[in-house]
């Protein structure tokens, strides 16, 4: 399977570094039907999470801070990330998914990404 990610010629240094980390991680991990890939996409304001079966090319479960019930939650972005982690774990359990492969998409395992992962673990997903 070829990975179609590459740093663009005029990307900022921070973005190019994240893309290099993402490529390095994606060469090693892939989601299957038994153990799909939980990928985190982060913007400056929002967080998006998908559970993906790479063999079938399908998104099985998703959650984000853009959803109406999560937009009304008070607190900082880390608190919202915890709620997204709990929500994706709940939806994954409902879909019959017990364990996943965690893909941080080149982001550092710190702050919102770590909060989301910890909340998903507490929700019953195993990484």
N, C-alpha and C. Protein backbone atom coordinates (compact mmCIF):
# COMPACT_ATOMS: atom_id res chain seq x y z
N UNK A 1 0.84 -1.17 0.00
CA UNK A 1 0.00 0.00 0.00
C UNK A 1 0.89 1.23 0.00
N UNK A 2 0.65 2.12 -0.92
CA UNK A 2 1.43 3.34 -1.01
C UNK A 2 0.77 4.43 -0.18
N UNK A 3 1.58 5.23 0.47
CA UNK A 3 1.10 6.34 1.27
C UNK A 3 1.23 7.60 0.41
N UNK A 4 0.16 8.32 0.25
CA UNK A 4 0.17 9.49 -0.62
C UNK A 4 0.43 10.79 0.09
N UNK A 5 1.14 10.78 1.18
CA UNK A 5 1.43 12.00 1.92
C UNK A 5 2.84 12.45 1.59
N UNK A 6 3.00 13.72 1.34
CA UNK A 6 4.34 14.25 1.14
C UNK A 6 4.35 15.73 1.48
N UNK A 7 5.45 16.22 2.00
CA UNK A 7 5.53 17.64 2.30
C UNK A 7 5.51 18.45 1.01
N UNK A 8 4.78 19.52 1.02
CA UNK A 8 4.71 20.37 -0.15
C UNK A 8 5.94 21.28 -0.21
N UNK A 9 6.20 21.78 -1.38
CA UNK A 9 7.41 22.56 -1.60
C UNK A 9 7.46 23.80 -0.73
N UNK A 10 6.32 24.46 -0.54
CA UNK A 10 6.31 25.73 0.18
C UNK A 10 5.62 25.64 1.54
N UNK A 11 5.61 24.45 2.14
CA UNK A 11 4.99 24.30 3.46
C UNK A 11 5.85 24.97 4.51
N UNK A 12 5.18 25.41 5.57
CA UNK A 12 5.92 25.96 6.69
C UNK A 12 6.73 24.83 7.34
N UNK A 13 7.77 25.19 8.04
CA UNK A 13 8.66 24.19 8.64
C UNK A 13 7.92 23.30 9.62
N UNK A 14 7.03 23.88 10.42
CA UNK A 14 6.29 23.11 11.41
C UNK A 14 5.36 22.09 10.73
N UNK A 15 4.69 22.52 9.66
CA UNK A 15 3.79 21.63 8.92
C UNK A 15 4.57 20.54 8.21
N UNK A 16 5.68 20.90 7.62
CA UNK A 16 6.50 19.90 6.92
C UNK A 16 7.05 18.87 7.90
N UNK A 17 7.43 19.29 9.09
CA UNK A 17 7.92 18.36 10.10
C UNK A 17 6.83 17.40 10.54
N UNK A 18 5.61 17.92 10.72
CA UNK A 18 4.50 17.06 11.10
C UNK A 18 4.19 16.05 10.00
N UNK A 19 4.23 16.48 8.75
CA UNK A 19 3.99 15.56 7.64
C UNK A 19 5.05 14.47 7.55
N UNK A 20 6.31 14.83 7.82
CA UNK A 20 7.37 13.81 7.83
C UNK A 20 7.13 12.79 8.93
N UNK A 21 6.72 13.26 10.12
CA UNK A 21 6.41 12.33 11.21
C UNK A 21 5.23 11.45 10.84
N UNK A 22 4.22 12.04 10.17
CA UNK A 22 3.03 11.29 9.77
C UNK A 22 3.39 10.18 8.79
N UNK A 23 4.24 10.49 7.83
CA UNK A 23 4.66 9.49 6.85
C UNK A 23 5.42 8.36 7.55
N UNK A 24 6.29 8.71 8.46
CA UNK A 24 7.09 7.72 9.16
C UNK A 24 6.21 6.75 9.95
N UNK A 25 5.17 7.27 10.59
CA UNK A 25 4.28 6.42 11.38
C UNK A 25 3.39 5.59 10.47
N UNK A 26 2.87 6.19 9.39
CA UNK A 26 1.92 5.48 8.52
C UNK A 26 2.58 4.36 7.72
N UNK A 27 3.90 4.38 7.58
CA UNK A 27 4.57 3.27 6.91
C UNK A 27 4.48 2.00 7.76
N UNK A 28 4.34 2.17 9.06
CA UNK A 28 4.39 1.03 9.97
C UNK A 28 3.03 0.53 10.41
N UNK A 29 2.00 1.38 10.41
CA UNK A 29 0.71 0.95 10.92
C UNK A 29 -0.36 1.00 9.84
N UNK A 30 -1.34 0.11 9.99
CA UNK A 30 -2.46 0.07 9.08
C UNK A 30 -3.64 -0.53 9.83
N UNK A 31 -4.83 -0.07 9.51
CA UNK A 31 -6.02 -0.57 10.18
C UNK A 31 -6.61 -1.76 9.45
N UNK A 32 -7.04 -2.75 10.20
CA UNK A 32 -7.69 -3.94 9.64
C UNK A 32 -9.10 -4.03 10.19
N UNK A 33 -9.85 -5.01 9.74
CA UNK A 33 -11.21 -5.18 10.24
C UNK A 33 -11.19 -5.57 11.71
N UNK A 34 -10.20 -6.38 12.12
CA UNK A 34 -10.12 -6.80 13.53
C UNK A 34 -9.61 -5.68 14.42
N UNK A 35 -8.68 -4.89 13.89
CA UNK A 35 -8.07 -3.81 14.68
C UNK A 35 -7.94 -2.57 13.81
N UNK A 36 -9.00 -1.78 13.70
CA UNK A 36 -8.96 -0.60 12.84
C UNK A 36 -8.07 0.51 13.40
N UNK A 37 -7.79 1.49 12.57
CA UNK A 37 -6.90 2.59 12.92
C UNK A 37 -7.72 3.77 13.44
N UNK A 38 -7.38 4.26 14.62
CA UNK A 38 -8.01 5.44 15.19
C UNK A 38 -7.10 6.63 14.89
N UNK A 39 -7.54 7.49 13.99
CA UNK A 39 -6.70 8.60 13.53
C UNK A 39 -7.26 9.91 14.08
N UNK A 40 -6.35 10.77 14.54
CA UNK A 40 -6.70 12.07 15.11
C UNK A 40 -6.25 13.16 14.15
N UNK A 41 -7.18 14.03 13.78
CA UNK A 41 -6.86 15.19 12.97
C UNK A 41 -7.13 16.42 13.81
N UNK A 42 -6.16 17.30 13.88
CA UNK A 42 -6.23 18.43 14.78
C UNK A 42 -6.08 19.72 14.00
N UNK A 43 -6.97 20.66 14.27
CA UNK A 43 -6.80 22.01 13.75
C UNK A 43 -6.54 22.92 14.95
N UNK A 44 -6.43 24.20 14.72
CA UNK A 44 -6.16 25.10 15.83
C UNK A 44 -7.35 25.20 16.77
N UNK A 45 -8.55 24.94 16.28
CA UNK A 45 -9.74 25.09 17.10
C UNK A 45 -10.47 23.77 17.38
N UNK A 46 -10.44 22.84 16.42
CA UNK A 46 -11.24 21.63 16.53
C UNK A 46 -10.40 20.37 16.47
N UNK A 47 -11.04 19.25 16.83
CA UNK A 47 -10.41 17.94 16.85
C UNK A 47 -11.36 16.97 16.17
N UNK A 48 -10.84 16.15 15.26
CA UNK A 48 -11.64 15.19 14.53
C UNK A 48 -11.03 13.82 14.72
N UNK A 49 -11.86 12.80 14.97
CA UNK A 49 -11.38 11.45 15.20
C UNK A 49 -12.17 10.50 14.33
N UNK A 50 -11.46 9.58 13.67
CA UNK A 50 -12.11 8.56 12.86
C UNK A 50 -11.51 7.20 13.19
N UNK A 51 -12.35 6.18 13.14
CA UNK A 51 -11.89 4.80 13.24
C UNK A 51 -12.04 4.22 11.84
N UNK A 52 -10.91 3.85 11.23
CA UNK A 52 -10.87 3.50 9.81
C UNK A 52 -10.38 2.08 9.62
N UNK A 53 -11.08 1.34 8.74
CA UNK A 53 -10.62 0.05 8.26
C UNK A 53 -9.91 0.31 6.94
N UNK A 54 -8.57 0.25 6.93
CA UNK A 54 -7.80 0.58 5.74
C UNK A 54 -7.91 -0.47 4.65
N UNK A 55 -8.18 -1.72 5.02
CA UNK A 55 -8.30 -2.77 4.02
C UNK A 55 -9.53 -2.52 3.15
N UNK A 56 -10.66 -2.21 3.79
CA UNK A 56 -11.89 -1.93 3.05
C UNK A 56 -11.99 -0.48 2.60
N UNK A 57 -11.18 0.39 3.20
CA UNK A 57 -11.22 1.81 2.85
C UNK A 57 -12.46 2.50 3.37
N UNK A 58 -12.93 2.10 4.55
CA UNK A 58 -14.17 2.64 5.11
C UNK A 58 -13.93 3.26 6.48
N UNK A 59 -14.65 4.35 6.74
CA UNK A 59 -14.68 4.93 8.07
C UNK A 59 -15.79 4.25 8.84
N UNK A 60 -15.45 3.62 9.96
CA UNK A 60 -16.42 2.87 10.74
C UNK A 60 -17.13 3.75 11.76
N UNK A 61 -16.39 4.62 12.43
CA UNK A 61 -16.92 5.48 13.48
C UNK A 61 -16.20 6.81 13.41
N UNK A 62 -16.90 7.89 13.72
CA UNK A 62 -16.24 9.19 13.77
C UNK A 62 -16.87 10.05 14.86
N UNK A 63 -16.10 11.04 15.30
CA UNK A 63 -16.57 12.02 16.28
C UNK A 63 -15.70 13.27 16.13
N UNK A 64 -16.27 14.42 16.49
CA UNK A 64 -15.49 15.65 16.41
C UNK A 64 -16.09 16.70 17.34
N UNK A 65 -15.33 17.76 17.54
CA UNK A 65 -15.82 18.86 18.36
C UNK A 65 -16.78 19.74 17.58
N UNK A 66 -16.99 19.46 16.30
CA UNK A 66 -17.91 20.22 15.48
C UNK A 66 -19.37 19.78 15.69
N UNK A 67 -19.58 18.66 16.35
CA UNK A 67 -20.93 18.16 16.56
C UNK A 67 -21.70 19.09 17.50
N UNK A 68 -22.99 19.16 17.29
CA UNK A 68 -23.82 20.13 18.01
C UNK A 68 -23.78 19.94 19.52
N UNK A 69 -23.82 18.70 20.00
CA UNK A 69 -23.82 18.48 21.44
C UNK A 69 -22.47 18.78 22.07
N UNK A 70 -21.38 18.70 21.32
CA UNK A 70 -20.07 19.02 21.87
C UNK A 70 -19.72 20.50 21.76
N UNK A 71 -20.39 21.21 20.88
CA UNK A 71 -20.12 22.65 20.75
C UNK A 71 -20.60 23.43 21.98
N UNK A 72 -21.60 22.89 22.66
CA UNK A 72 -22.18 23.60 23.80
C UNK A 72 -21.43 23.35 25.11
N UNK A 73 -20.46 22.45 25.10
CA UNK A 73 -19.72 22.12 26.32
C UNK A 73 -18.82 23.28 26.71
N UNK A 74 -18.88 23.64 27.97
CA UNK A 74 -18.00 24.69 28.48
C UNK A 74 -16.64 24.08 28.81
N UNK A 75 -15.62 24.88 28.76
CA UNK A 75 -14.29 24.42 29.12
C UNK A 75 -13.30 24.69 28.01
N UNK A 76 -12.07 24.31 28.27
CA UNK A 76 -11.02 24.55 27.29
C UNK A 76 -10.99 23.44 26.24
N UNK A 77 -10.06 23.53 25.31
CA UNK A 77 -9.99 22.58 24.21
C UNK A 77 -9.60 21.18 24.69
N UNK A 78 -8.84 21.09 25.77
CA UNK A 78 -8.46 19.80 26.31
C UNK A 78 -9.66 19.08 26.90
N UNK A 79 -10.54 19.82 27.56
CA UNK A 79 -11.77 19.22 28.10
C UNK A 79 -12.66 18.71 26.97
N UNK A 80 -12.72 19.46 25.88
CA UNK A 80 -13.51 19.01 24.73
C UNK A 80 -12.88 17.78 24.09
N UNK A 81 -11.55 17.71 24.08
CA UNK A 81 -10.87 16.54 23.53
C UNK A 81 -11.19 15.29 24.35
N UNK A 82 -11.28 15.44 25.66
CA UNK A 82 -11.67 14.31 26.52
C UNK A 82 -13.07 13.83 26.18
N UNK A 83 -13.98 14.75 25.96
CA UNK A 83 -15.35 14.39 25.60
C UNK A 83 -15.40 13.66 24.25
N UNK A 84 -14.59 14.12 23.30
CA UNK A 84 -14.54 13.46 22.00
C UNK A 84 -13.98 12.04 22.15
N UNK A 85 -12.98 11.87 23.00
CA UNK A 85 -12.43 10.54 23.25
C UNK A 85 -13.46 9.60 23.86
N UNK A 86 -14.23 10.11 24.82
CA UNK A 86 -15.28 9.29 25.42
C UNK A 86 -16.35 8.93 24.39
N UNK A 87 -16.70 9.90 23.55
CA UNK A 87 -17.74 9.69 22.54
C UNK A 87 -17.31 8.68 21.49
N UNK A 88 -16.08 8.77 21.02
CA UNK A 88 -15.61 7.82 20.00
C UNK A 88 -15.48 6.42 20.59
N UNK A 89 -15.10 6.31 21.85
CA UNK A 89 -15.03 5.00 22.50
C UNK A 89 -16.41 4.39 22.62
N UNK A 90 -17.38 5.20 22.99
CA UNK A 90 -18.76 4.72 23.12
C UNK A 90 -19.30 4.25 21.77
N UNK A 91 -19.06 5.03 20.72
CA UNK A 91 -19.54 4.66 19.39
C UNK A 91 -18.83 3.42 18.86
N UNK A 92 -17.54 3.31 19.15
CA UNK A 92 -16.78 2.14 18.70
C UNK A 92 -17.26 0.88 19.41
N UNK A 93 -17.52 0.98 20.70
CA UNK A 93 -18.04 -0.17 21.44
C UNK A 93 -19.40 -0.57 20.88
N UNK A 94 -20.21 0.41 20.51
CA UNK A 94 -21.51 0.11 19.90
C UNK A 94 -21.39 -0.57 18.56
N UNK A 95 -20.30 -0.30 17.84
CA UNK A 95 -20.06 -0.92 16.54
C UNK A 95 -19.33 -2.25 16.66
N UNK A 96 -19.03 -2.67 17.90
CA UNK A 96 -18.36 -3.95 18.12
C UNK A 96 -16.85 -3.90 18.02
N UNK A 97 -16.27 -2.73 18.17
CA UNK A 97 -14.82 -2.57 18.08
C UNK A 97 -14.25 -2.50 19.49
N UNK A 98 -13.35 -3.41 19.81
CA UNK A 98 -12.75 -3.47 21.14
C UNK A 98 -11.35 -2.86 21.17
N UNK A 99 -10.53 -3.12 20.12
CA UNK A 99 -9.17 -2.61 20.13
C UNK A 99 -8.87 -1.91 18.81
N UNK A 100 -8.03 -0.89 18.88
CA UNK A 100 -7.67 -0.08 17.72
C UNK A 100 -6.17 0.15 17.70
N UNK A 101 -5.68 0.61 16.56
CA UNK A 101 -4.31 1.07 16.42
C UNK A 101 -4.36 2.58 16.45
N UNK A 102 -3.60 3.22 17.33
CA UNK A 102 -3.67 4.67 17.49
C UNK A 102 -2.73 5.35 16.50
N UNK A 103 -3.28 6.25 15.69
CA UNK A 103 -2.52 7.03 14.72
C UNK A 103 -2.66 8.50 15.09
N UNK A 104 -1.59 9.09 15.57
CA UNK A 104 -1.64 10.49 16.00
C UNK A 104 -1.40 11.45 14.85
N UNK A 105 -1.20 10.92 13.64
CA UNK A 105 -1.06 11.71 12.41
C UNK A 105 0.08 12.73 12.48
N UNK A 106 1.18 12.35 13.09
CA UNK A 106 2.32 13.23 13.15
C UNK A 106 2.29 14.25 14.26
N UNK A 107 1.15 14.35 14.96
CA UNK A 107 1.06 15.28 16.08
C UNK A 107 1.80 14.69 17.28
N UNK A 108 2.32 15.54 18.12
CA UNK A 108 3.00 15.07 19.31
C UNK A 108 1.99 14.50 20.29
N UNK A 109 2.37 13.45 21.01
CA UNK A 109 1.49 12.84 21.99
C UNK A 109 1.56 13.69 23.25
N UNK A 110 0.77 14.77 23.22
CA UNK A 110 0.85 15.77 24.27
C UNK A 110 -0.43 16.59 24.21
N UNK A 111 -0.90 17.08 25.33
CA UNK A 111 -2.04 17.99 25.34
C UNK A 111 -3.34 17.35 24.91
N UNK A 112 -3.94 17.90 23.85
CA UNK A 112 -5.25 17.43 23.40
C UNK A 112 -5.20 16.01 22.87
N UNK A 113 -4.14 15.65 22.17
CA UNK A 113 -4.03 14.30 21.62
C UNK A 113 -3.93 13.27 22.75
N UNK A 114 -3.13 13.56 23.75
CA UNK A 114 -2.98 12.65 24.89
C UNK A 114 -4.28 12.57 25.69
N UNK A 115 -4.97 13.69 25.86
CA UNK A 115 -6.24 13.70 26.59
C UNK A 115 -7.28 12.85 25.88
N UNK A 116 -7.33 12.97 24.56
CA UNK A 116 -8.26 12.18 23.77
C UNK A 116 -7.95 10.69 23.90
N UNK A 117 -6.68 10.32 23.80
CA UNK A 117 -6.29 8.92 23.89
C UNK A 117 -6.60 8.34 25.27
N UNK A 118 -6.32 9.10 26.32
CA UNK A 118 -6.61 8.62 27.68
C UNK A 118 -8.10 8.43 27.90
N UNK A 119 -8.91 9.35 27.39
CA UNK A 119 -10.37 9.23 27.53
C UNK A 119 -10.91 8.05 26.74
N UNK A 120 -10.33 7.77 25.57
CA UNK A 120 -10.76 6.62 24.79
C UNK A 120 -10.40 5.32 25.49
N UNK A 121 -9.23 5.30 26.13
CA UNK A 121 -8.84 4.11 26.91
C UNK A 121 -9.78 3.89 28.08
N UNK A 122 -10.10 4.98 28.77
CA UNK A 122 -11.04 4.87 29.90
C UNK A 122 -12.42 4.46 29.44
N UNK A 123 -12.78 4.79 28.19
CA UNK A 123 -14.07 4.41 27.63
C UNK A 123 -14.15 2.95 27.22
N UNK A 124 -13.03 2.25 27.26
CA UNK A 124 -13.05 0.82 26.97
C UNK A 124 -12.28 0.38 25.75
N UNK A 125 -11.69 1.29 25.00
CA UNK A 125 -10.89 0.89 23.85
C UNK A 125 -9.48 0.52 24.31
N UNK A 126 -8.92 -0.48 23.68
CA UNK A 126 -7.54 -0.82 23.99
C UNK A 126 -6.67 -0.50 22.78
N UNK A 127 -5.52 0.09 23.05
CA UNK A 127 -4.59 0.48 21.97
C UNK A 127 -3.46 -0.53 21.96
